[in-house]
C-alpha atoms as a PDB file:
ATOM      1  CA  UNK A   1     149.255 -33.097  59.693  1.00  0.00           C
ATOM      2  CA  UNK A   2     147.804 -36.449  60.571  1.00  0.00           C
ATOM      3  CA  UNK A   3     148.945 -38.279  63.091  1.00  0.00           C
ATOM      4  CA  UNK A   4     148.929 -42.242  64.055  1.00  0.00           C
ATOM      5  CA  UNK A   5     148.439 -43.462  67.244  1.00  0.00           C
ATOM      6  CA  UNK A   6     149.603 -47.098  66.750  1.00  0.00           C
ATOM      7  CA  UNK A   7     153.333 -45.757  66.248  1.00  0.00           C
ATOM      8  CA  UNK A   8     155.594 -46.848  69.050  1.00  0.00           C
ATOM      9  CA  UNK A   9     156.011 -43.832  71.205  1.00  0.00           C
ATOM     10  CA  UNK A  10     159.674 -42.221  71.670  1.00  0.00           C
ATOM     11  CA  UNK A  11     160.384 -42.085  75.018  1.00  0.00           C
ATOM     12  CA  UNK A  12     162.023 -38.593  76.496  1.00  0.00           C
ATOM     13  CA  UNK A  13     165.520 -39.791  76.468  1.00  0.00           C
ATOM     14  CA  UNK A  14     165.459 -41.067  72.658  1.00  0.00           C
ATOM     15  CA  UNK A  15     163.922 -37.850  71.973  1.00  0.00           C
ATOM     16  CA  UNK A  16     167.464 -35.836  73.439  1.00  0.00           C
ATOM     17  CA  UNK A  17     169.398 -38.382  71.909  1.00  0.00           C
ATOM     18  CA  UNK A  18     168.614 -36.593  68.077  1.00  0.00           C
ATOM     19  CA  UNK A  19     171.525 -34.996  67.281  1.00  0.00           C
ATOM     20  CA  UNK A  20     171.133 -31.494  65.969  1.00  0.00           C
ATOM     21  CA  UNK A  21     173.326 -32.286  62.709  1.00  0.00           C
ATOM     22  CA  UNK A  22     170.961 -35.174  62.178  1.00  0.00           C
ATOM     23  CA  UNK A  23     167.451 -32.829  62.435  1.00  0.00           C
ATOM     24  CA  UNK A  24     169.787 -30.488  59.662  1.00  0.00           C
ATOM     25  CA  UNK A  25     170.642 -33.910  57.728  1.00  0.00           C
ATOM     26  CA  UNK A  26     166.444 -34.142  57.400  1.00  0.00           C
ATOM     27  CA  UNK A  27     166.191 -30.411  56.199  1.00  0.00           C
ATOM     28  CA  UNK A  28     168.469 -30.979  53.572  1.00  0.00           C
ATOM     29  CA  UNK A  29     166.581 -34.224  52.317  1.00  0.00           C
ATOM     30  CA  UNK A  30     163.090 -32.130  51.893  1.00  0.00           C
ATOM     31  CA  UNK A  31     164.442 -29.601  50.281  1.00  0.00           C
ATOM     32  CA  UNK A  32     166.856 -32.036  47.838  1.00  0.00           C
ATOM     33  CA  UNK A  33     163.554 -32.446  45.156  1.00  0.00           C
ATOM     34  CA  UNK A  34     163.102 -28.749  44.935  1.00  0.00           C
ATOM     35  CA  UNK A  35     164.180 -27.031  41.902  1.00  0.00           C
ATOM     36  CA  UNK A  36     165.326 -23.289  41.443  1.00  0.00           C
ATOM     37  CA  UNK A  37     164.526 -22.440  38.426  1.00  0.00           C
ATOM     38  CA  UNK A  38     163.490 -18.537  37.117  1.00  0.00           C
ATOM     39  CA  UNK A  39     160.204 -18.845  34.791  1.00  0.00           C
ATOM     40  CA  UNK A  40     160.962 -15.729  33.255  1.00  0.00           C
ATOM     41  CA  UNK A  41     164.441 -17.362  31.360  1.00  0.00           C
ATOM     42  CA  UNK A  42     162.082 -20.777  31.170  1.00  0.00           C
ATOM     43  CA  UNK A  43     159.647 -18.992  29.216  1.00  0.00           C
ATOM     44  CA  UNK A  44     162.117 -17.310  27.347  1.00  0.00           C
ATOM     45  CA  UNK A  45     163.938 -20.187  26.003  1.00  0.00           C
ATOM     46  CA  UNK A  46     161.374 -22.380  24.810  1.00  0.00           C
ATOM     47  CA  UNK A  47     159.410 -22.020  21.387  1.00  0.00           C
ATOM     48  CA  UNK A  48     156.526 -23.693  19.612  1.00  0.00           C
ATOM     49  CA  UNK A  49     157.848 -24.548  16.513  1.00  0.00           C
ATOM     50  CA  UNK A  50     156.196 -22.445  14.251  1.00  0.00           C
ATOM     51  CA  UNK A  51     154.707 -19.803  16.339  1.00  0.00           C
ATOM     52  CA  UNK A  52     156.892 -17.062  14.607  1.00  0.00           C
ATOM     53  CA  UNK A  53     154.199 -14.072  14.691  1.00  0.00           C
ATOM     54  CA  UNK A  54     156.672 -11.025  14.786  1.00  0.00           C
ATOM     55  CA  UNK A  55     155.707 -10.583  10.733  1.00  0.00           C
ATOM     56  CA  UNK A  56     151.675 -10.921  11.048  1.00  0.00           C
ATOM     57  CA  UNK A  57     149.629  -7.711  11.308  1.00  0.00           C
ATOM     58  CA  UNK A  58     147.115  -8.593  14.299  1.00  0.00           C
ATOM     59  CA  UNK A  59     145.055  -5.054  14.026  1.00  0.00           C
ATOM     60  CA  UNK A  60     141.509  -5.849  13.268  1.00  0.00           C
ATOM     61  CA  UNK A  61     138.740  -3.490  12.122  1.00  0.00           C
ATOM     62  CA  UNK A  62     135.818  -3.110  15.064  1.00  0.00           C
ATOM     63  CA  UNK A  63     132.066  -2.168  13.733  1.00  0.00           C
ATOM     64  CA  UNK A  64     129.417  -0.952  15.437  1.00  0.00           C
ATOM     65  CA  UNK A  65     126.358  -3.108  16.792  1.00  0.00           C
ATOM     66  CA  UNK A  66     124.149  -3.288  13.674  1.00  0.00           C
ATOM     67  CA  UNK A  67     120.520  -2.618  14.709  1.00  0.00           C
ATOM     68  CA  UNK A  68     119.414  -6.225  14.804  1.00  0.00           C
ATOM     69  CA  UNK A  69     122.223  -7.160  17.495  1.00  0.00           C
ATOM     70  CA  UNK A  70     122.570  -6.133  21.193  1.00  0.00           C
ATOM     71  CA  UNK A  71     125.396  -6.205  23.507  1.00  0.00           C
ATOM     72  CA  UNK A  72     123.747  -8.733  26.488  1.00  0.00           C
ATOM     73  CA  UNK A  73     124.896  -6.784  29.602  1.00  0.00           C
ATOM     74  CA  UNK A  74     125.769 -10.536  31.882  1.00  0.00           C
ATOM     75  CA  UNK A  75     128.359 -12.223  29.288  1.00  0.00           C
ATOM     76  CA  UNK A  76     129.215  -8.766  27.395  1.00  0.00           C
ATOM     77  CA  UNK A  77     128.578 -10.574  23.631  1.00  0.00           C
ATOM     78  CA  UNK A  78     126.956  -8.956  20.764  1.00  0.00           C
ATOM     79  CA  UNK A  79     123.691 -11.196  19.693  1.00  0.00           C
ATOM     80  CA  UNK A  80     120.965 -10.924  17.201  1.00  0.00           C
ATOM     81  CA  UNK A  81     117.788  -9.575  18.445  1.00  0.00           C
ATOM     82  CA  UNK A  82     116.444 -12.833  18.766  1.00  0.00           C
ATOM     83  CA  UNK A  83     118.784 -14.093  21.672  1.00  0.00           C
ATOM     84  CA  UNK A  84     116.996 -11.274  23.501  1.00  0.00           C
ATOM     85  CA  UNK A  85     115.398 -13.087  27.028  1.00  0.00           C
ATOM     86  CA  UNK A  86     114.816  -9.515  29.047  1.00  0.00           C
ATOM     87  CA  UNK A  87     114.300  -6.562  26.826  1.00  0.00           C
ATOM     88  CA  UNK A  88     114.663  -4.477  30.271  1.00  0.00           C
ATOM     89  CA  UNK A  89     117.775  -5.659  31.662  1.00  0.00           C
ATOM     90  CA  UNK A  90     119.369  -6.438  28.046  1.00  0.00           C
ATOM     91  CA  UNK A  91     120.252 -10.562  28.770  1.00  0.00           C
ATOM     92  CA  UNK A  92     120.660 -13.120  26.295  1.00  0.00           C
ATOM     93  CA  UNK A  93     118.887 -16.176  26.435  1.00  0.00           C
ATOM     94  CA  UNK A  94     122.031 -18.028  27.757  1.00  0.00           C
ATOM     95  CA  UNK A  95     122.384 -15.606  30.314  1.00  0.00           C
ATOM     96  CA  UNK A  96     118.914 -15.867  32.234  1.00  0.00           C
END
């Protein structure tokens, strides 16, 4: 917390004069801007236009790597053999 050394200081009497009610009201004011909202409820109520994908089949066919392809051990992407930078470590040119 930053301290303003140029601000006037309170005397011991002034500090004692601050009542408990005043301190409670300050604390209420800090929390008054917060919104207590359940994130799950908010997400369920929010719909994007045209985003109903319930009728779409998302299954895809997985094909094995071809003879001229390799899987980079750094980024785990399948690349053509021309992108192979280190054959011992099986790393692509982008990851070297």
